[in-house]
Amino acid sequence: MQRATGPGKIKEHAEQTYPALRATLYNFDFDDMHETLLKREHVQWLRENVATVLLQGDAWVWMRGAASKIGAPDYNRRLSQKRVERVAGFLRSQGVQDRQMQLNWVGEDLSTSEREDDELDRSVIVHCQPELPKPVEPSKPPPKPPKAPPVTESFKIRMLGGLTISRFVNTAKIKKVLDLLRWKVGPTVDILFFEIRDFNHGLSGFYAYGGLGLGLAATGCQRLTRDLPITS
């Protein structure tokens, strides 16, 4: 049978890390199975410390009801369920959503008191977890500038080889004034291959040089002397 036990009491857990809040609402009336209202002290604490937090963002609350060891275990389990549901009903009346509340009840299973009826066992533990701020990603460092290409002032140039292609035409019939020599003239193509070696960085570059020109060559000469008479 229900028996009044006095004002509601609250024990805040100082070891709980901020911003989370954890407290025990205890000294519920004895055998308050059919009670529908919370004690004034519990109502005031829940309104000021839990409801205001849950209404500000995506916060949540976990609650666990308990009972003393007097009575049958099954009955005490249902009694602890009624107590935690009573707390949830008050928070719901303040605008808290069901998805923000997680309810649990244990009856007398977790009691460590030597007394059959301990006011700390007639309780509801409340753990309120505010919405945690989203972590701010650190700004990425600016990309490193690309490395400058290697520069050197010490290098050598080596000629690897070359090729000359010529086609000459006999111009003796055209230029009769050059009757003492037979000349050939024609186009000439030169291809030369070079290597430029950078010894500081172990790099080599290969290049080809091409040239187009006009070639002139002498193929022979005429006799430039003549016989003179000898007199005595």
C-alpha atoms as a PDB file:
ATOM      1  CA  MET A   1       0.000   0.000   0.000  1.00  0.00           C
ATOM      2  CA  GLN A   2       1.296   3.441  -0.940  1.00  0.00           C
ATOM      3  CA  ARG A   3       2.889   5.494   1.800  1.00  0.00           C
ATOM      4  CA  ALA A   4       4.157   9.078   1.510  1.00  0.00           C
ATOM      5  CA  THR A   5       7.850   9.436   2.283  1.00  0.00           C
ATOM      6  CA  GLY A   6       8.342  13.185   2.158  1.00  0.00           C
ATOM      7  CA  PRO A   7       9.868  15.538  -0.418  1.00  0.00           C
ATOM      8  CA  GLY A   8      11.703  14.272  -3.463  1.00  0.00           C
ATOM      9  CA  LYS A   9      15.480  14.287  -3.332  1.00  0.00           C
ATOM     10  CA  ILE A  10      18.153  14.691  -6.010  1.00  0.00           C
ATOM     11  CA  LYS A  11      21.745  13.496  -5.980  1.00  0.00           C
ATOM     12  CA  GLU A  12      23.857  14.829  -8.830  1.00  0.00           C
ATOM     13  CA  HIS A  13      26.840  12.727  -9.864  1.00  0.00           C
ATOM     14  CA  ALA A  14      29.850  15.024  -9.665  1.00  0.00           C
ATOM     15  CA  GLU A  15      32.088  12.547 -11.487  1.00  0.00           C
ATOM     16  CA  GLN A  16      30.093  12.952 -14.694  1.00  0.00           C
ATOM     17  CA  THR A  17      32.062  14.835 -17.335  1.00  0.00           C
ATOM     18  CA  TYR A  18      30.595  18.134 -18.596  1.00  0.00           C
ATOM     19  CA  PRO A  19      28.474  18.801 -20.627  1.00  0.00           C
ATOM     20  CA  ALA A  20      26.656  15.539 -19.830  1.00  0.00           C
ATOM     21  CA  LEU A  21      24.522  15.550 -16.673  1.00  0.00           C
ATOM     22  CA  ARG A  22      23.794  12.547 -14.468  1.00  0.00           C
ATOM     23  CA  ALA A  23      21.674  12.511 -11.319  1.00  0.00           C
ATOM     24  CA  THR A  24      19.549  10.215  -9.179  1.00  0.00           C
ATOM     25  CA  LEU A  25      15.989  11.267  -8.381  1.00  0.00           C
ATOM     26  CA  TYR A  26      15.164   9.307  -5.241  1.00  0.00           C
ATOM     27  CA  ASN A  27      12.819   9.004  -2.257  1.00  0.00           C
ATOM     28  CA  PHE A  28       9.812   8.132  -4.415  1.00  0.00           C
ATOM     29  CA  ASP A  29       6.798   7.233  -2.258  1.00  0.00           C
ATOM     30  CA  PHE A  30       6.681   3.687  -1.003  1.00  0.00           C
ATOM     31  CA  ASP A  31       4.641   1.368  -3.261  1.00  0.00           C
ATOM     32  CA  ASP A  32       3.555   4.210  -5.574  1.00  0.00           C
ATOM     33  CA  MET A  33       2.312   1.843  -8.286  1.00  0.00           C
ATOM     34  CA  HIS A  34      -0.815   3.891  -9.022  1.00  0.00           C
ATOM     35  CA  GLU A  35       0.680   7.347  -8.563  1.00  0.00           C
ATOM     36  CA  THR A  36       0.536   9.568 -11.665  1.00  0.00           C
ATOM     37  CA  LEU A  37       2.341  12.712 -10.518  1.00  0.00           C
ATOM     38  CA  LEU A  38       5.977  13.371  -9.716  1.00  0.00           C
ATOM     39  CA  LYS A  39       7.087  15.070  -6.560  1.00  0.00           C
ATOM     40  CA  ARG A  40       7.466  18.835  -6.801  1.00  0.00           C
ATOM     41  CA  GLU A  41      11.249  18.743  -6.238  1.00  0.00           C
ATOM     42  CA  HIS A  42      11.743  16.200  -9.025  1.00  0.00           C
ATOM     43  CA  VAL A  43       9.549  18.227 -11.386  1.00  0.00           C
ATOM     44  CA  GLN A  44      11.496  21.423 -10.776  1.00  0.00           C
ATOM     45  CA  TRP A  45      14.866  19.761 -11.309  1.00  0.00           C
ATOM     46  CA  LEU A  46      13.768  17.994 -14.498  1.00  0.00           C
ATOM     47  CA  ARG A  47      12.300  21.189 -15.941  1.00  0.00           C
ATOM     48  CA  GLU A  48      15.397  23.301 -15.239  1.00  0.00           C
ATOM     49  CA  ASN A  49      18.136  20.793 -16.045  1.00  0.00           C
ATOM     50  CA  VAL A  50      16.806  18.235 -18.512  1.00  0.00           C
ATOM     51  CA  ALA A  51      13.796  19.529 -20.434  1.00  0.00           C
ATOM     52  CA  THR A  52      15.518  22.792 -21.364  1.00  0.00           C
ATOM     53  CA  VAL A  53      18.508  20.888 -22.754  1.00  0.00           C
ATOM     54  CA  LEU A  54      16.448  18.371 -24.705  1.00  0.00           C
ATOM     55  CA  LEU A  55      14.416  21.132 -26.342  1.00  0.00           C
ATOM     56  CA  GLN A  56      17.469  22.991 -27.641  1.00  0.00           C
ATOM     57  CA  GLY A  57      18.853  20.423 -30.055  1.00  0.00           C
ATOM     58  CA  ASP A  58      19.426  16.806 -30.887  1.00  0.00           C
ATOM     59  CA  ALA A  59      20.101  15.803 -27.270  1.00  0.00           C
ATOM     60  CA  TRP A  60      18.930  12.611 -25.593  1.00  0.00           C
ATOM     61  CA  VAL A  61      18.282  11.230 -22.111  1.00  0.00           C
ATOM     62  CA  TRP A  62      18.711   7.740 -20.669  1.00  0.00           C
ATOM     63  CA  MET A  63      16.697   6.817 -17.561  1.00  0.00           C
ATOM     64  CA  ARG A  64      16.610   3.748 -15.331  1.00  0.00           C
ATOM     65  CA  GLY A  65      13.976   3.049 -12.692  1.00  0.00           C
ATOM     66  CA  ALA A  66      14.685   1.059  -9.520  1.00  0.00           C
ATOM     67  CA  ALA A  67      12.866  -0.203  -6.409  1.00  0.00           C
ATOM     68  CA  SER A  68      13.695  -1.303  -2.867  1.00  0.00           C
ATOM     69  CA  LYS A  69      13.885  -4.952  -1.832  1.00  0.00           C
ATOM     70  CA  ILE A  70      10.544  -5.135  -0.031  1.00  0.00           C
ATOM     71  CA  GLY A  71       8.055  -7.229  -1.990  1.00  0.00           C
ATOM     72  CA  ALA A  72       8.281  -9.777  -4.776  1.00  0.00           C
ATOM     73  CA  PRO A  73      10.997  -9.214  -7.424  1.00  0.00           C
ATOM     74  CA  ASP A  74       8.487  -9.230 -10.293  1.00  0.00           C
ATOM     75  CA  TYR A  75       6.325  -6.656  -8.565  1.00  0.00           C
ATOM     76  CA  ASN A  76       9.335  -4.453  -7.829  1.00  0.00           C
ATOM     77  CA  ARG A  77      10.367  -4.632 -11.478  1.00  0.00           C
ATOM     78  CA  ARG A  78       6.954  -3.382 -12.578  1.00  0.00           C
ATOM     79  CA  LEU A  79       7.093  -0.717  -9.873  1.00  0.00           C
ATOM     80  CA  SER A  80      10.445   0.551 -11.184  1.00  0.00           C
ATOM     81  CA  GLN A  81       8.974   0.615 -14.694  1.00  0.00           C
ATOM     82  CA  LYS A  82       6.075   2.779 -13.511  1.00  0.00           C
ATOM     83  CA  ARG A  83       8.491   5.252 -11.919  1.00  0.00           C
ATOM     84  CA  VAL A  84      10.673   5.730 -14.976  1.00  0.00           C
ATOM     85  CA  GLU A  85       7.605   5.999 -17.225  1.00  0.00           C
ATOM     86  CA  ARG A  86       6.261   8.713 -14.926  1.00  0.00           C
ATOM     87  CA  VAL A  87       9.456  10.728 -15.437  1.00  0.00           C
ATOM     88  CA  ALA A  88       9.252  10.195 -19.202  1.00  0.00           C
ATOM     89  CA  GLY A  89       5.621  11.311 -19.184  1.00  0.00           C
ATOM     90  CA  PHE A  90       6.541  14.599 -17.550  1.00  0.00           C
ATOM     91  CA  LEU A  91       9.324  15.256 -20.078  1.00  0.00           C
ATOM     92  CA  ARG A  92       6.926  14.409 -22.885  1.00  0.00           C
ATOM     93  CA  SER A  93       4.491  17.014 -21.517  1.00  0.00           C
ATOM     94  CA  GLN A  94       7.300  19.575 -21.810  1.00  0.00           C
ATOM     95  CA  GLY A  95       7.732  18.866 -25.528  1.00  0.00           C
ATOM     96  CA  VAL A  96      10.469  16.218 -25.461  1.00  0.00           C
ATOM     97  CA  GLN A  97      10.173  13.644 -28.264  1.00  0.00           C
ATOM     98  CA  ASP A  98      10.033   9.898 -27.624  1.00  0.00           C
ATOM     99  CA  ARG A  99      13.048   9.385 -29.890  1.00  0.00           C
ATOM    100  CA  GLN A 100      15.105  11.448 -27.431  1.00  0.00           C
ATOM    101  CA  MET A 101      14.349   9.174 -24.473  1.00  0.00           C
ATOM    102  CA  GLN A 102      15.638   5.718 -23.660  1.00  0.00           C
ATOM    103  CA  LEU A 103      13.953   3.938 -20.736  1.00  0.00           C
ATOM    104  CA  ASN A 104      15.175   1.035 -18.650  1.00  0.00           C
ATOM    105  CA  TRP A 105      14.093  -0.546 -15.347  1.00  0.00           C
ATOM    106  CA  VAL A 106      15.766  -3.077 -13.071  1.00  0.00           C
ATOM    107  CA  GLY A 107      13.519  -3.486 -10.018  1.00  0.00           C
ATOM    108  CA  GLU A 108      15.591  -4.439  -6.976  1.00  0.00           C
ATOM    109  CA  ASP A 109      18.334  -6.192  -8.982  1.00  0.00           C
ATOM    110  CA  LEU A 110      20.990  -3.486  -8.522  1.00  0.00           C
ATOM    111  CA  SER A 111      20.305  -2.678  -4.870  1.00  0.00           C
ATOM    112  CA  THR A 112      23.415  -2.791  -2.652  1.00  0.00           C
ATOM    113  CA  SER A 113      21.729  -1.566   0.526  1.00  0.00           C
ATOM    114  CA  GLU A 114      21.544  -3.693   3.660  1.00  0.00           C
ATOM    115  CA  ARG A 115      18.077  -2.305   4.391  1.00  0.00           C
ATOM    116  CA  GLU A 116      14.927  -3.752   2.934  1.00  0.00           C
ATOM    117  CA  ASP A 117      13.590  -0.292   2.217  1.00  0.00           C
ATOM    118  CA  ASP A 118      16.203   2.299   1.280  1.00  0.00           C
ATOM    119  CA  GLU A 119      15.106   5.661  -0.100  1.00  0.00           C
ATOM    120  CA  LEU A 120      18.033   5.556  -2.558  1.00  0.00           C
ATOM    121  CA  ASP A 121      16.600   2.375  -4.070  1.00  0.00           C
ATOM    122  CA  ARG A 122      13.215   4.003  -4.729  1.00  0.00           C
ATOM    123  CA  SER A 123      14.689   6.043  -7.536  1.00  0.00           C
ATOM    124  CA  VAL A 124      15.192   6.925 -11.191  1.00  0.00           C
ATOM    125  CA  ILE A 125      18.670   7.616 -12.548  1.00  0.00           C
ATOM    126  CA  VAL A 126      18.724  10.281 -15.269  1.00  0.00           C
ATOM    127  CA  HIS A 127      21.605  10.740 -17.719  1.00  0.00           C
ATOM    128  CA  CYS A 128      21.182  13.704 -20.063  1.00  0.00           C
ATOM    129  CA  GLN A 129      23.567  14.060 -22.989  1.00  0.00           C
ATOM    130  CA  PRO A 130      23.447  17.411 -24.828  1.00  0.00           C
ATOM    131  CA  GLU A 131      24.086  17.616 -28.525  1.00  0.00           C
ATOM    132  CA  LEU A 132      27.815  17.599 -29.060  1.00  0.00           C
ATOM    133  CA  PRO A 133      29.214  20.231 -31.404  1.00  0.00           C
ATOM    134  CA  LYS A 134      30.335  18.904 -34.714  1.00  0.00           C
ATOM    135  CA  PRO A 135      34.101  18.708 -34.960  1.00  0.00           C
ATOM    136  CA  VAL A 136      35.642  21.384 -37.105  1.00  0.00           C
ATOM    137  CA  GLU A 137      37.936  19.967 -39.704  1.00  0.00           C
ATOM    138  CA  PRO A 138      41.291  21.698 -39.696  1.00  0.00           C
ATOM    139  CA  SER A 139      41.968  23.735 -42.780  1.00  0.00           C
ATOM    140  CA  LYS A 140      44.180  21.983 -45.237  1.00  0.00           C
ATOM    141  CA  PRO A 141      47.603  23.534 -45.758  1.00  0.00           C
ATOM    142  CA  PRO A 142      48.115  25.203 -49.116  1.00  0.00           C
ATOM    143  CA  PRO A 143      49.624  22.933 -51.741  1.00  0.00           C
ATOM    144  CA  LYS A 144      53.359  23.047 -52.041  1.00  0.00           C
ATOM    145  CA  PRO A 145      54.641  24.905 -55.085  1.00  0.00           C
ATOM    146  CA  PRO A 146      56.001  22.625 -57.789  1.00  0.00           C
ATOM    147  CA  LYS A 147      59.698  22.044 -57.742  1.00  0.00           C
ATOM    148  CA  ALA A 148      61.675  24.178 -60.127  1.00  0.00           C
ATOM    149  CA  PRO A 149      63.279  22.237 -62.971  1.00  0.00           C
ATOM    150  CA  PRO A 150      66.962  21.499 -62.412  1.00  0.00           C
ATOM    151  CA  VAL A 151      69.234  24.267 -63.622  1.00  0.00           C
ATOM    152  CA  THR A 152      72.941  23.964 -64.262  1.00  0.00           C
ATOM    153  CA  GLU A 153      75.734  26.126 -65.536  1.00  0.00           C
ATOM    154  CA  SER A 154      78.098  23.233 -66.148  1.00  0.00           C
ATOM    155  CA  PHE A 155      77.468  21.102 -69.212  1.00  0.00           C
ATOM    156  CA  LYS A 156      79.288  19.738 -72.257  1.00  0.00           C
ATOM    157  CA  ILE A 157      78.283  19.425 -75.875  1.00  0.00           C
ATOM    158  CA  ARG A 158      79.458  16.432 -77.875  1.00  0.00           C
ATOM    159  CA  MET A 159      78.966  15.769 -81.569  1.00  0.00           C
ATOM    160  CA  LEU A 160      77.930  12.176 -82.110  1.00  0.00           C
ATOM    161  CA  GLY A 161      78.115  12.120 -85.882  1.00  0.00           C
ATOM    162  CA  GLY A 162      76.855  13.595 -89.080  1.00  0.00           C
ATOM    163  CA  LEU A 163      75.657  12.825 -92.558  1.00  0.00           C
ATOM    164  CA  THR A 164      75.968  14.873 -95.761  1.00  0.00           C
ATOM    165  CA  ILE A 165      73.987  14.155 -98.906  1.00  0.00           C
ATOM    166  CA  SER A 166      74.952  16.049-102.110  1.00  0.00           C
ATOM    167  CA  ARG A 167      74.034  15.927-105.764  1.00  0.00           C
ATOM    168  CA  PHE A 168      76.355  17.847-108.109  1.00  0.00           C
ATOM    169  CA  VAL A 169      75.788  18.842-111.724  1.00  0.00           C
ATOM    170  CA  ASN A 170      78.599  19.425-114.244  1.00  0.00           C
ATOM    171  CA  THR A 171      78.481  23.093-115.181  1.00  0.00           C
ATOM    172  CA  ALA A 172      81.396  23.173-117.622  1.00  0.00           C
ATOM    173  CA  LYS A 173      79.102  23.656-120.580  1.00  0.00           C
ATOM    174  CA  ILE A 174      77.200  26.443-118.851  1.00  0.00           C
ATOM    175  CA  LYS A 175      80.083  28.477-117.538  1.00  0.00           C
ATOM    176  CA  LYS A 176      82.581  28.491-120.359  1.00  0.00           C
ATOM    177  CA  VAL A 177      84.572  31.191-118.618  1.00  0.00           C
ATOM    178  CA  LEU A 178      85.675  28.497-116.165  1.00  0.00           C
ATOM    179  CA  ASP A 179      87.167  26.324-118.888  1.00  0.00           C
ATOM    180  CA  LEU A 180      90.321  25.883-116.866  1.00  0.00           C
ATOM    181  CA  LEU A 181      88.412  24.001-114.128  1.00  0.00           C
ATOM    182  CA  ARG A 182      85.476  21.683-114.235  1.00  0.00           C
ATOM    183  CA  TRP A 183      83.030  22.764-111.528  1.00  0.00           C
ATOM    184  CA  LYS A 184      80.057  20.952-110.063  1.00  0.00           C
ATOM    185  CA  VAL A 185      77.259  22.675-108.234  1.00  0.00           C
ATOM    186  CA  GLY A 186      74.143  21.209-106.564  1.00  0.00           C
ATOM    187  CA  PRO A 187      71.965  20.980-103.425  1.00  0.00           C
ATOM    188  CA  THR A 188      73.461  19.675-100.171  1.00  0.00           C
ATOM    189  CA  VAL A 189      71.686  18.301 -97.074  1.00  0.00           C
ATOM    190  CA  ASP A 190      73.553  18.099 -93.744  1.00  0.00           C
ATOM    191  CA  ILE A 191      72.312  16.178 -90.674  1.00  0.00           C
ATOM    192  CA  LEU A 192      74.357  16.414 -87.455  1.00  0.00           C
ATOM    193  CA  PHE A 193      73.718  14.685 -84.099  1.00  0.00           C
ATOM    194  CA  PHE A 194      74.691  16.232 -80.730  1.00  0.00           C
ATOM    195  CA  GLU A 195      74.513  15.295 -77.059  1.00  0.00           C
ATOM    196  CA  ILE A 196      74.295  17.959 -74.331  1.00  0.00           C
ATOM    197  CA  ARG A 197      75.350  16.441 -70.995  1.00  0.00           C
ATOM    198  CA  ASP A 198      74.445  17.900 -67.580  1.00  0.00           C
ATOM    199  CA  PHE A 199      77.005  16.404 -65.194  1.00  0.00           C
ATOM    200  CA  ASN A 200      75.526  17.996 -62.053  1.00  0.00           C
ATOM    201  CA  HIS A 201      72.191  16.218 -62.380  1.00  0.00           C
ATOM    202  CA  GLY A 202      73.150  13.236 -64.515  1.00  0.00           C
ATOM    203  CA  LEU A 203      70.922  14.292 -67.408  1.00  0.00           C
ATOM    204  CA  SER A 204      71.476  14.147 -71.159  1.00  0.00           C
ATOM    205  CA  GLY A 205      69.657  15.683 -74.064  1.00  0.00           C
ATOM    206  CA  PHE A 206      70.008  14.537 -77.668  1.00  0.00           C
ATOM    207  CA  TYR A 207      69.480  16.868 -80.585  1.00  0.00           C
ATOM    208  CA  ALA A 208      69.565  16.633 -84.372  1.00  0.00           C
ATOM    209  CA  TYR A 209      70.557  19.534 -86.597  1.00  0.00           C
ATOM    210  CA  GLY A 210      69.502  19.687 -90.210  1.00  0.00           C
ATOM    211  CA  GLY A 211      70.770  22.075 -92.879  1.00  0.00           C
ATOM    212  CA  LEU A 212      70.027  22.648 -96.558  1.00  0.00           C
ATOM    213  CA  GLY A 213      72.453  24.483 -98.819  1.00  0.00           C
ATOM    214  CA  LEU A 214      74.165  24.772-102.180  1.00  0.00           C
ATOM    215  CA  GLY A 215      77.445  22.969-102.771  1.00  0.00           C
ATOM    216  CA  LEU A 216      80.283  23.891-105.183  1.00  0.00           C
ATOM    217  CA  ALA A 217      83.206  21.561-105.956  1.00  0.00           C
ATOM    218  CA  ALA A 218      86.121  21.423-108.368  1.00  0.00           C
ATOM    219  CA  THR A 219      86.545  18.070-110.124  1.00  0.00           C
ATOM    220  CA  GLY A 220      89.842  18.653-111.934  1.00  0.00           C
ATOM    221  CA  CYS A 221      92.048  21.215-113.633  1.00  0.00           C
ATOM    222  CA  GLN A 222      93.421  21.832-117.132  1.00  0.00           C
ATOM    223  CA  ARG A 223      97.062  22.156-118.010  1.00  0.00           C
ATOM    224  CA  LEU A 224      98.083  25.728-117.366  1.00  0.00           C
ATOM    225  CA  THR A 225     101.484  25.654-119.074  1.00  0.00           C
ATOM    226  CA  ARG A 226     102.610  25.700-122.683  1.00  0.00           C
ATOM    227  CA  ASP A 227     105.820  24.791-124.518  1.00  0.00           C
ATOM    228  CA  LEU A 228     108.174  27.639-125.247  1.00  0.00           C
ATOM    229  CA  PRO A 229     110.852  27.469-127.949  1.00  0.00           C
ATOM    230  CA  ILE A 230     114.405  27.140-126.732  1.00  0.00           C
ATOM    231  CA  THR A 231     117.028  29.236-128.503  1.00  0.00           C
ATOM    232  CA  SER A 232     120.706  29.106-128.176  1.00  0.00           C
END
